[in-house]
């Protein structure tokens, strides 16, 4: 098991307490984490340890993930 610290910003703060520690099986990806947090991977940008990553990136124990929603306006 690995534990990932997740911080959500903006409108995603209403989905779960932030920061949160999310336990996942070894070998989990960003997509697995987003599923566990019930966040649509098509509507967010993910920063892993302050670097943008794609949803297939594998996570390691103690990684810190920030989830940012796409913001559309005009």
Protein backbone atom coordinates (compact mmCIF):
# COMPACT_ATOMS: atom_id res chain seq x y z
CA UNK A 1 0.00 0.00 0.00
CA UNK A 2 1.13 3.54 -0.75
CA UNK A 3 -0.24 6.76 0.70
CA UNK A 4 -0.66 9.85 -1.46
CA UNK A 5 -1.30 13.33 -0.10
CA UNK A 6 -3.92 15.04 -2.25
CA UNK A 7 -4.77 18.72 -2.32
CA UNK A 8 -7.71 19.95 -4.36
CA UNK A 9 -8.28 23.57 -5.27
CA UNK A 10 -11.19 25.73 -6.32
CA UNK A 11 -14.49 23.91 -6.91
CA UNK A 12 -12.92 20.50 -6.22
CA UNK A 13 -12.60 21.38 -2.52
CA UNK A 14 -16.26 20.42 -2.12
CA UNK A 15 -15.59 16.80 -3.20
CA UNK A 16 -13.37 15.88 -0.23
CA UNK A 17 -11.43 17.28 2.70
CA UNK A 18 -8.17 18.75 1.53
CA UNK A 19 -5.42 17.92 2.06
CA UNK A 20 -6.31 14.25 2.24
CA UNK A 21 -4.20 11.13 2.51
CA UNK A 22 -5.41 8.50 0.06
CA UNK A 23 -4.22 4.88 0.38
CA UNK A 24 -3.73 3.03 -2.91
CA UNK A 25 -2.24 -0.30 -3.99
CA UNK A 26 1.39 -0.41 -5.15
CA UNK A 27 1.68 0.40 -8.85
CA UNK A 28 -1.27 2.80 -8.88
CA UNK A 29 -1.40 5.62 -11.40
CA UNK A 30 -2.73 9.16 -11.33
CA UNK A 31 -5.86 7.86 -13.04
CA UNK A 32 -6.39 5.36 -10.20
CA UNK A 33 -6.03 8.18 -7.68
CA UNK A 34 -8.54 10.36 -9.51
CA UNK A 35 -11.01 7.46 -9.60
CA UNK A 36 -10.57 6.92 -5.86
CA UNK A 37 -11.29 10.62 -5.32
CA UNK A 38 -14.28 10.50 -7.71
CA UNK A 39 -12.75 13.16 -9.95
CA UNK A 40 -13.24 13.07 -13.74
CA UNK A 41 -9.75 12.90 -15.26
CA UNK A 42 -11.00 14.72 -18.37
CA UNK A 43 -11.74 17.88 -16.38
CA UNK A 44 -8.57 18.43 -14.38
CA UNK A 45 -4.86 19.16 -14.49
CA UNK A 46 -2.71 17.12 -12.10
CA UNK A 47 0.50 18.29 -10.49
CA UNK A 48 2.71 15.62 -8.93
CA UNK A 49 5.29 17.11 -6.58
CA UNK A 50 4.70 20.46 -8.37
CA UNK A 51 5.23 19.07 -11.89
CA UNK A 52 2.40 18.47 -14.38
CA UNK A 53 1.96 14.78 -15.22
CA UNK A 54 -0.41 12.70 -17.33
CA UNK A 55 -2.94 10.25 -15.95
CA UNK A 56 -0.77 7.21 -16.67
CA UNK A 57 2.07 8.36 -14.42
CA UNK A 58 2.83 5.84 -11.65
CA UNK A 59 2.64 7.08 -8.09
CA UNK A 60 5.10 6.45 -5.26
CA UNK A 61 4.55 6.41 -1.51
CA UNK A 62 4.46 9.94 -0.04
CA UNK A 63 3.88 11.67 -3.38
CA UNK A 64 2.03 14.97 -3.16
CA UNK A 65 -0.66 15.58 -5.76
CA UNK A 66 -2.52 18.79 -6.48
CA UNK A 67 -5.70 18.58 -8.55
CA UNK A 68 -6.72 21.70 -10.47
CA UNK A 69 -10.03 21.97 -12.33
CA UNK A 70 -10.16 23.42 -15.82
CA UNK A 71 -11.61 26.90 -15.54
CA UNK A 72 -13.53 28.23 -18.51
CA UNK A 73 -14.79 31.75 -18.71
CA UNK A 74 -15.04 34.76 -20.86
